[in-house]
Amino acid sequence: MGAAVFTAAVWLSTLLCSLVAGFLFAFAVVVMPGIRRLPDRSFLETFRAIDGVIQARAPLFMLMWVGSVVALLAALALGFAVLDGADLALLAAAAALYLVGVQLPTGLINIPLNNRIQACDLETMTPEQLRAARHAFESRWNGWNIVRTAVASLTAALLFGLLLRI
């Protein structure tokens, strides 16, 4: 039974981490390039609206995002009883990469940047203030999103590799 529960946890981790990778990828290649074309105020309003859905704790988004962490940590904890050697190292590497390369920058960089945009009073800001707010946000947010996308994709690949081995 322990091996079956572990395998299920790895499958769930793989699915959820893959969904996170796809979500971040969609932002990197569709959402942000699409809104990049907008004037400053429209860009900021549009990003706020999109982020507002996420910050409202949309249930399916939270299931994917938080669930990916919970499932991956559960798989790692269960893996100590079931795996050894290279397989355990592969799972530990996937978990470490995901936590450090996806979740940590999200909490330390992307969410604080999102919150700054949410706190802006766009109606009273001058065109110069709008440009400055966008400038302080856009390139840093996009750069870290590319990092998160790459690491989430690598995590999913490592987990798929582990599934092929177990």
Protein backbone atom coordinates (compact mmCIF):
# COMPACT_ATOMS: atom_id res chain seq x y z
CA MET A 1 0.00 0.00 0.00
CA GLY A 2 2.84 2.44 0.77
CA ALA A 3 4.24 2.13 -2.74
CA ALA A 4 0.81 2.71 -4.28
CA VAL A 5 0.20 5.85 -2.21
CA PHE A 6 3.68 7.08 -3.09
CA THR A 7 3.10 6.47 -6.80
CA ALA A 8 -0.22 8.30 -6.63
CA ALA A 9 1.51 11.24 -4.91
CA VAL A 10 4.14 11.37 -7.67
CA TRP A 11 1.45 11.27 -10.36
CA LEU A 12 -0.49 14.06 -8.64
CA SER A 13 2.70 16.11 -8.17
CA THR A 14 3.56 15.65 -11.84
CA LEU A 15 0.11 16.73 -12.94
CA LEU A 16 -0.06 19.79 -10.69
CA CYS A 17 3.52 20.94 -11.32
CA SER A 18 2.88 20.54 -15.06
CA LEU A 19 -0.24 22.69 -14.76
CA VAL A 20 1.76 25.36 -12.92
CA ALA A 21 4.44 25.22 -15.63
CA GLY A 22 1.75 25.65 -18.29
CA PHE A 23 0.12 28.52 -16.41
CA LEU A 24 3.44 30.35 -16.09
CA PHE A 25 4.29 29.55 -19.72
CA ALA A 26 0.97 31.03 -20.88
CA PHE A 27 1.80 34.25 -19.03
CA ALA A 28 5.28 34.32 -20.56
CA VAL A 29 4.26 33.74 -24.17
CA VAL A 30 0.67 35.03 -24.44
CA VAL A 31 -0.60 37.18 -21.57
CA MET A 32 2.33 39.50 -20.95
CA PRO A 33 3.31 39.91 -24.64
CA GLY A 34 -0.36 40.63 -25.36
CA ILE A 35 -0.77 43.33 -22.75
CA ARG A 36 2.70 44.74 -23.46
CA ARG A 37 1.13 46.45 -26.49
CA LEU A 38 -1.26 48.46 -24.32
CA PRO A 39 -0.67 52.01 -23.12
CA ASP A 40 0.57 52.31 -19.54
CA ARG A 41 -2.78 52.83 -17.80
CA SER A 42 -4.46 50.06 -19.80
CA PHE A 43 -1.53 47.71 -19.15
CA LEU A 44 -1.73 48.32 -15.39
CA GLU A 45 -5.55 48.04 -15.32
CA THR A 46 -5.47 44.80 -17.29
CA PHE A 47 -2.76 43.24 -15.14
CA ARG A 48 -4.66 44.27 -12.00
CA ALA A 49 -7.83 42.63 -13.30
CA ILE A 50 -6.03 39.36 -14.11
CA ASP A 51 -4.14 39.36 -10.80
CA GLY A 52 -7.35 40.24 -8.98
CA VAL A 53 -8.85 36.91 -10.03
CA ILE A 54 -5.83 35.10 -8.60
CA GLN A 55 -5.75 37.17 -5.41
CA ALA A 56 -9.44 36.44 -4.89
CA ARG A 57 -8.20 32.89 -4.25
CA ALA A 58 -9.93 31.32 -7.24
CA PRO A 59 -10.53 27.75 -6.04
CA LEU A 60 -9.15 25.91 -9.06
CA PHE A 61 -6.09 28.14 -9.19
CA MET A 62 -5.43 27.58 -5.48
CA LEU A 63 -5.93 23.84 -5.87
CA MET A 64 -3.31 23.83 -8.62
CA TRP A 65 -0.83 26.21 -6.98
CA VAL A 66 -0.97 25.13 -3.34
CA GLY A 67 -1.77 21.55 -4.27
CA SER A 68 1.43 21.30 -6.30
CA VAL A 69 3.49 22.12 -3.21
CA VAL A 70 1.52 19.83 -0.90
CA ALA A 71 1.58 16.91 -3.34
CA LEU A 72 5.28 17.32 -4.06
CA LEU A 73 6.21 17.49 -0.37
CA ALA A 74 3.99 14.48 0.34
CA ALA A 75 5.66 12.54 -2.48
CA LEU A 76 9.07 13.48 -1.10
CA ALA A 77 8.16 12.44 2.45
CA LEU A 78 6.72 9.13 1.21
CA GLY A 79 9.70 8.69 -1.11
CA PHE A 80 12.08 8.34 1.82
CA ALA A 81 10.34 5.07 2.72
CA VAL A 82 10.08 3.74 -0.84
CA LEU A 83 13.07 5.05 -2.82
CA ASP A 84 16.81 5.11 -2.52
CA GLY A 85 19.81 6.16 -4.57
CA ALA A 86 19.27 7.96 -7.85
CA ASP A 87 15.46 7.82 -7.68
CA LEU A 88 15.37 9.51 -4.28
CA ALA A 89 17.94 12.06 -5.46
CA LEU A 90 15.81 12.80 -8.54
CA LEU A 91 12.71 13.39 -6.42
CA ALA A 92 14.62 15.52 -3.91
CA ALA A 93 16.13 17.58 -6.75
CA ALA A 94 12.69 18.15 -8.28
CA ALA A 95 11.26 19.26 -4.93
CA ALA A 96 14.19 21.55 -4.14
CA LEU A 97 14.15 23.12 -7.60
CA TYR A 98 10.42 23.72 -7.44
CA LEU A 99 10.43 25.25 -3.99
CA VAL A 100 13.49 27.43 -4.59
CA GLY A 101 12.96 28.26 -8.27
CA VAL A 102 9.17 28.63 -8.47
CA GLN A 103 7.63 29.16 -5.06
CA LEU A 104 10.37 31.29 -3.48
CA PRO A 105 10.56 33.89 -6.28
CA THR A 106 6.78 33.94 -6.43
CA GLY A 107 6.58 34.86 -2.75
CA LEU A 108 9.56 37.18 -2.64
CA ILE A 109 9.34 38.93 -6.01
CA ASN A 110 6.26 38.37 -8.16
CA ILE A 111 3.57 38.67 -5.46
CA PRO A 112 5.09 41.85 -3.95
CA LEU A 113 5.26 43.36 -7.46
CA ASN A 114 1.62 42.36 -8.03
CA ASN A 115 0.65 43.95 -4.72
CA ARG A 116 2.35 47.21 -5.66
CA ILE A 117 0.27 47.36 -8.82
CA GLN A 118 -2.88 46.53 -6.83
CA ALA A 119 -2.10 49.40 -4.43
CA CYS A 120 -1.75 52.02 -7.18
CA ASP A 121 -4.53 54.56 -7.50
CA LEU A 122 -4.52 54.50 -11.28
CA GLU A 123 -7.24 57.13 -11.56
CA THR A 124 -5.16 59.84 -9.89
CA MET A 125 -1.73 58.97 -11.32
CA THR A 126 -0.14 61.23 -13.90
CA PRO A 127 1.11 59.75 -17.18
CA GLU A 128 4.67 59.96 -15.77
CA GLN A 129 3.65 58.08 -12.61
CA LEU A 130 1.88 55.42 -14.68
CA ARG A 131 4.98 54.98 -16.84
CA ALA A 132 7.20 54.77 -13.75
CA ALA A 133 4.92 52.20 -12.08
CA ARG A 134 4.90 50.08 -15.21
CA HIS A 135 8.66 50.42 -15.66
CA ALA A 136 9.31 49.34 -12.05
CA PHE A 137 7.06 46.32 -12.55
CA GLU A 138 7.11 44.90 -16.06
CA SER A 139 10.67 43.83 -16.85
CA ARG A 140 11.39 42.48 -13.36
CA TRP A 141 8.11 40.58 -13.21
CA ASN A 142 8.61 39.12 -16.69
CA GLY A 143 12.22 38.15 -16.01
CA TRP A 144 11.34 36.25 -12.88
CA ASN A 145 8.34 34.68 -14.57
CA ILE A 146 10.67 33.26 -17.21
CA VAL A 147 12.80 31.79 -14.42
CA ARG A 148 9.73 30.32 -12.76
CA THR A 149 8.50 28.91 -16.07
CA ALA A 150 11.83 27.23 -16.83
CA VAL A 151 12.16 25.77 -13.34
CA ALA A 152 8.54 24.56 -13.22
CA SER A 153 9.03 22.92 -16.62
CA LEU A 154 12.26 21.28 -15.47
CA THR A 155 10.51 20.07 -12.32
CA ALA A 156 7.74 18.50 -14.39
CA ALA A 157 10.34 16.84 -16.65
CA LEU A 158 12.18 15.42 -13.65
CA LEU A 159 8.94 14.08 -12.21
CA PHE A 160 8.01 12.50 -15.55
CA GLY A 161 11.47 10.93 -15.59
CA LEU A 162 10.90 9.56 -12.11
CA LEU A 163 7.56 8.09 -13.16
CA LEU A 164 9.33 6.22 -15.94
CA ARG A 165 11.71 4.72 -13.39
CA ILE A 166 9.26 3.64 -10.69
